[in-house]
PDB file of N, CA and C in Angstrom:
ATOM      1  N   MET A   1     -74.064 -36.385 -28.568  1.00  0.00           N
ATOM      2  CA  MET A   1     -74.591 -37.861 -28.802  1.00  0.00           C
ATOM      3  C   MET A   1     -74.981 -38.401 -27.547  1.00  0.00           C
ATOM      4  N   LEU A   2     -75.511 -39.684 -27.711  1.00  0.00           N
ATOM      5  CA  LEU A   2     -76.114 -40.397 -26.412  1.00  0.00           C
ATOM      6  C   LEU A   2     -74.907 -40.795 -25.579  1.00  0.00           C
ATOM      7  N   LYS A   3     -73.890 -41.132 -26.040  1.00  0.00           N
ATOM      8  CA  LYS A   3     -72.803 -41.576 -25.089  1.00  0.00           C
ATOM      9  C   LYS A   3     -72.306 -40.400 -24.093  1.00  0.00           C
ATOM     10  N   LYS A   4     -72.089 -39.242 -24.707  1.00  0.00           N
ATOM     11  CA  LYS A   4     -71.518 -38.145 -24.010  1.00  0.00           C
ATOM     12  C   LYS A   4     -72.692 -37.344 -23.283  1.00  0.00           C
ATOM     13  N   LYS A   5     -74.081 -37.669 -23.711  1.00  0.00           N
ATOM     14  CA  LYS A   5     -75.164 -36.941 -23.209  1.00  0.00           C
ATOM     15  C   LYS A   5     -75.193 -35.534 -23.836  1.00  0.00           C
ATOM     16  N   GLU A   6     -74.701 -35.322 -25.000  1.00  0.00           N
ATOM     17  CA  GLU A   6     -74.645 -34.041 -25.759  1.00  0.00           C
ATOM     18  C   GLU A   6     -75.716 -33.907 -26.943  1.00  0.00           C
ATOM     19  N   ALA A   7     -76.183 -32.896 -27.129  1.00  0.00           N
ATOM     20  CA  ALA A   7     -77.028 -32.826 -28.495  1.00  0.00           C
ATOM     21  C   ALA A   7     -76.336 -33.123 -29.678  1.00  0.00           C
ATOM     22  N   TYR A   8     -76.939 -33.788 -30.752  1.00  0.00           N
ATOM     23  CA  TYR A   8     -76.274 -33.978 -31.942  1.00  0.00           C
ATOM     24  C   TYR A   8     -76.052 -32.760 -32.850  1.00  0.00           C
ATOM     25  N   LYS A   9     -74.695 -32.752 -33.207  1.00  0.00           N
ATOM     26  CA  LYS A   9     -74.378 -31.579 -33.854  1.00  0.00           C
ATOM     27  C   LYS A   9     -73.935 -32.108 -35.350  1.00  0.00           C
ATOM     28  N   PRO A  10     -74.749 -31.815 -36.342  1.00  0.00           N
ATOM     29  CA  PRO A  10     -74.427 -32.314 -37.710  1.00  0.00           C
ATOM     30  C   PRO A  10     -73.375 -31.461 -38.372  1.00  0.00           C
ATOM     31  N   ILE A  11     -72.475 -32.193 -39.264  1.00  0.00           N
ATOM     32  CA  ILE A  11     -71.576 -31.311 -39.823  1.00  0.00           C
ATOM     33  C   ILE A  11     -72.113 -30.542 -40.825  1.00  0.00           C
ATOM     34  N   GLU A  12     -71.642 -29.319 -41.031  1.00  0.00           N
ATOM     35  CA  GLU A  12     -72.060 -28.289 -41.990  1.00  0.00           C
ATOM     36  C   GLU A  12     -71.856 -28.888 -43.304  1.00  0.00           C
ATOM     37  N   GLN A  13     -72.943 -28.720 -44.253  1.00  0.00           N
ATOM     38  CA  GLN A  13     -73.132 -29.149 -45.429  1.00  0.00           C
ATOM     39  C   GLN A  13     -71.930 -28.642 -46.356  1.00  0.00           C
ATOM     40  N   GLU A  14     -71.235 -27.501 -46.233  1.00  0.00           N
ATOM     41  CA  GLU A  14     -70.187 -27.016 -46.979  1.00  0.00           C
ATOM     42  C   GLU A  14     -68.892 -27.825 -46.697  1.00  0.00           C
ATOM     43  N   LYS A  15     -68.561 -28.052 -45.221  1.00  0.00           N
ATOM     44  CA  LYS A  15     -67.498 -28.861 -44.927  1.00  0.00           C
ATOM     45  C   LYS A  15     -67.684 -30.163 -45.205  1.00  0.00           C
ATOM     46  N   TYR A  16     -68.855 -30.927 -45.370  1.00  0.00           N
ATOM     47  CA  TYR A  16     -69.058 -32.295 -45.667  1.00  0.00           C
ATOM     48  C   TYR A  16     -68.672 -32.426 -47.160  1.00  0.00           C
ATOM     49  N   LEU A  17     -69.204 -31.588 -48.024  1.00  0.00           N
ATOM     50  CA  LEU A  17     -69.179 -31.541 -49.411  1.00  0.00           C
ATOM     51  C   LEU A  17     -67.661 -31.287 -49.783  1.00  0.00           C
ATOM     52  N   ALA A  18     -66.916 -30.409 -48.984  1.00  0.00           N
ATOM     53  CA  ALA A  18     -65.512 -30.249 -49.293  1.00  0.00           C
ATOM     54  C   ALA A  18     -64.722 -31.240 -49.023  1.00  0.00           C
ATOM     55  N   SER A  19     -65.010 -32.070 -48.032  1.00  0.00           N
ATOM     56  CA  SER A  19     -64.293 -33.249 -47.698  1.00  0.00           C
ATOM     57  C   SER A  19     -64.551 -34.440 -48.792  1.00  0.00           C
ATOM     58  N   ILE A  20     -65.753 -34.564 -49.125  1.00  0.00           N
ATOM     59  CA  ILE A  20     -66.062 -35.528 -50.190  1.00  0.00           C
ATOM     60  C   ILE A  20     -65.196 -35.171 -51.547  1.00  0.00           C
ATOM     61  N   ARG A  21     -65.271 -33.828 -51.963  1.00  0.00           N
ATOM     62  CA  ARG A  21     -64.528 -33.386 -53.002  1.00  0.00           C
ATOM     63  C   ARG A  21     -62.925 -33.699 -52.962  1.00  0.00           C
ATOM     64  N   GLU A  22     -62.370 -33.354 -51.734  1.00  0.00           N
ATOM     65  CA  GLU A  22     -61.051 -33.534 -51.371  1.00  0.00           C
ATOM     66  C   GLU A  22     -60.724 -35.056 -51.553  1.00  0.00           C
ATOM     67  N   SER A  23     -61.447 -36.044 -50.995  1.00  0.00           N
ATOM     68  CA  SER A  23     -61.208 -37.439 -51.210  1.00  0.00           C
ATOM     69  C   SER A  23     -61.264 -37.906 -52.556  1.00  0.00           C
ATOM     70  N   GLN A  24     -62.351 -37.319 -53.131  1.00  0.00           N
ATOM     71  CA  GLN A  24     -62.302 -37.835 -54.636  1.00  0.00           C
ATOM     72  C   GLN A  24     -61.200 -37.526 -55.367  1.00  0.00           C
ATOM     73  N   LEU A  25     -60.745 -36.255 -55.276  1.00  0.00           N
ATOM     74  CA  LEU A  25     -59.415 -35.767 -55.971  1.00  0.00           C
ATOM     75  C   LEU A  25     -58.388 -36.631 -55.536  1.00  0.00           C
ATOM     76  N   LYS A  26     -58.102 -36.910 -54.294  1.00  0.00           N
ATOM     77  CA  LYS A  26     -57.040 -37.600 -54.026  1.00  0.00           C
ATOM     78  C   LYS A  26     -57.095 -39.121 -54.622  1.00  0.00           C
ATOM     79  N   ASN A  27     -58.215 -39.652 -54.811  1.00  0.00           N
ATOM     80  CA  ASN A  27     -58.462 -41.039 -55.413  1.00  0.00           C
ATOM     81  C   ASN A  27     -58.254 -40.857 -56.710  1.00  0.00           C
ATOM     82  N   ILE A  28     -58.631 -39.751 -57.486  1.00  0.00           N
ATOM     83  CA  ILE A  28     -58.164 -39.532 -58.959  1.00  0.00           C
ATOM     84  C   ILE A  28     -56.765 -39.556 -58.910  1.00  0.00           C
ATOM     85  N   GLN A  29     -56.054 -38.737 -58.220  1.00  0.00           N
ATOM     86  CA  GLN A  29     -54.629 -38.565 -58.224  1.00  0.00           C
ATOM     87  C   GLN A  29     -54.008 -39.991 -58.187  1.00  0.00           C
ATOM     88  N   LYS A  30     -54.254 -40.730 -57.254  1.00  0.00           N
ATOM     89  CA  LYS A  30     -53.676 -42.117 -57.089  1.00  0.00           C
ATOM     90  C   LYS A  30     -53.916 -43.071 -58.202  1.00  0.00           C
ATOM     91  N   LYS A  31     -55.182 -42.959 -58.721  1.00  0.00           N
ATOM     92  CA  LYS A  31     -55.445 -43.571 -60.035  1.00  0.00           C
ATOM     93  C   LYS A  31     -54.602 -43.302 -61.243  1.00  0.00           C
ATOM     94  N   ILE A  32     -54.286 -42.038 -61.407  1.00  0.00           N
ATOM     95  CA  ILE A  32     -53.439 -41.343 -62.456  1.00  0.00           C
ATOM     96  C   ILE A  32     -52.043 -41.899 -62.129  1.00  0.00           C
ATOM     97  N   LYS A  33     -51.578 -41.873 -60.977  1.00  0.00           N
ATOM     98  CA  LYS A  33     -50.235 -42.480 -60.945  1.00  0.00           C
ATOM     99  C   LYS A  33     -50.146 -43.976 -61.047  1.00  0.00           C
ATOM    100  N   GLN A  34     -51.141 -44.643 -60.659  1.00  0.00           N
ATOM    101  CA  GLN A  34     -51.023 -46.110 -60.867  1.00  0.00           C
ATOM    102  C   GLN A  34     -51.007 -46.486 -62.336  1.00  0.00           C
ATOM    103  N   LEU A  35     -51.656 -45.634 -63.091  1.00  0.00           N
ATOM    104  CA  LEU A  35     -51.906 -45.911 -64.622  1.00  0.00           C
ATOM    105  C   LEU A  35     -50.687 -45.354 -65.406  1.00  0.00           C
ATOM    106  N   ASN A  36     -49.896 -44.507 -64.588  1.00  0.00           N
ATOM    107  CA  ASN A  36     -48.729 -43.798 -65.429  1.00  0.00           C
ATOM    108  C   ASN A  36     -49.439 -42.948 -66.477  1.00  0.00           C
ATOM    109  N   ILE A  37     -50.134 -42.085 -66.158  1.00  0.00           N
ATOM    110  CA  ILE A  37     -50.895 -41.288 -67.300  1.00  0.00           C
ATOM    111  C   ILE A  37     -50.159 -39.999 -67.347  1.00  0.00           C
ATOM    112  N   VAL A  38     -49.802 -39.592 -68.507  1.00  0.00           N
ATOM    113  CA  VAL A  38     -49.097 -38.166 -68.569  1.00  0.00           C
ATOM    114  C   VAL A  38     -50.158 -37.103 -69.159  1.00  0.00           C
ATOM    115  N   PRO A  39     -49.944 -35.974 -68.515  1.00  0.00           N
ATOM    116  CA  PRO A  39     -50.797 -34.854 -68.921  1.00  0.00           C
ATOM    117  C   PRO A  39     -51.416 -34.698 -70.498  1.00  0.00           C
ATOM    118  N   GLU A  40     -50.357 -35.085 -71.397  1.00  0.00           N
ATOM    119  CA  GLU A  40     -50.909 -35.090 -72.697  1.00  0.00           C
ATOM    120  C   GLU A  40     -51.908 -36.120 -72.944  1.00  0.00           C
ATOM    121  N   GLU A  41     -52.058 -37.090 -72.207  1.00  0.00           N
ATOM    122  CA  GLU A  41     -53.095 -38.111 -72.390  1.00  0.00           C
ATOM    123  C   GLU A  41     -54.576 -37.799 -71.800  1.00  0.00           C
ATOM    124  N   LEU A  42     -54.454 -36.669 -70.922  1.00  0.00           N
ATOM    125  CA  LEU A  42     -55.869 -36.306 -70.457  1.00  0.00           C
ATOM    126  C   LEU A  42     -56.399 -35.464 -71.444  1.00  0.00           C
ATOM    127  N   GLN A  43     -57.767 -35.588 -71.574  1.00  0.00           N
ATOM    128  CA  GLN A  43     -58.567 -34.770 -72.408  1.00  0.00           C
ATOM    129  C   GLN A  43     -59.865 -34.469 -71.655  1.00  0.00           C
ATOM    130  N   PHE A  44     -60.244 -33.294 -71.153  1.00  0.00           N
ATOM    131  CA  PHE A  44     -61.337 -33.099 -70.652  1.00  0.00           C
ATOM    132  C   PHE A  44     -62.237 -32.324 -71.528  1.00  0.00           C
ATOM    133  N   SER A  45     -63.510 -32.705 -71.618  1.00  0.00           N
ATOM    134  CA  SER A  45     -64.451 -32.060 -72.451  1.00  0.00           C
ATOM    135  C   SER A  45     -65.586 -31.288 -71.622  1.00  0.00           C
ATOM    136  N   GLN A  46     -65.984 -29.984 -72.053  1.00  0.00           N
ATOM    137  CA  GLN A  46     -66.879 -29.394 -71.339  1.00  0.00           C
ATOM    138  C   GLN A  46     -68.103 -29.215 -72.282  1.00  0.00           C
ATOM    139  N   SER A  47     -69.231 -29.499 -71.651  1.00  0.00           N
ATOM    140  CA  SER A  47     -70.535 -29.331 -72.484  1.00  0.00           C
ATOM    141  C   SER A  47     -71.505 -28.313 -71.936  1.00  0.00           C
TER     142      SER A  47
END
């Protein structure tokens, strides 16, 4: 980077996408706990 006078090294796409997926899963888990949802109430549909 410019401050350290080093070349820019972007994050690998796989690592970036994995971190986004992980944070989204954590957010979903927090929301499920907040709403007191039990597994029987969850319904996933695949199309």
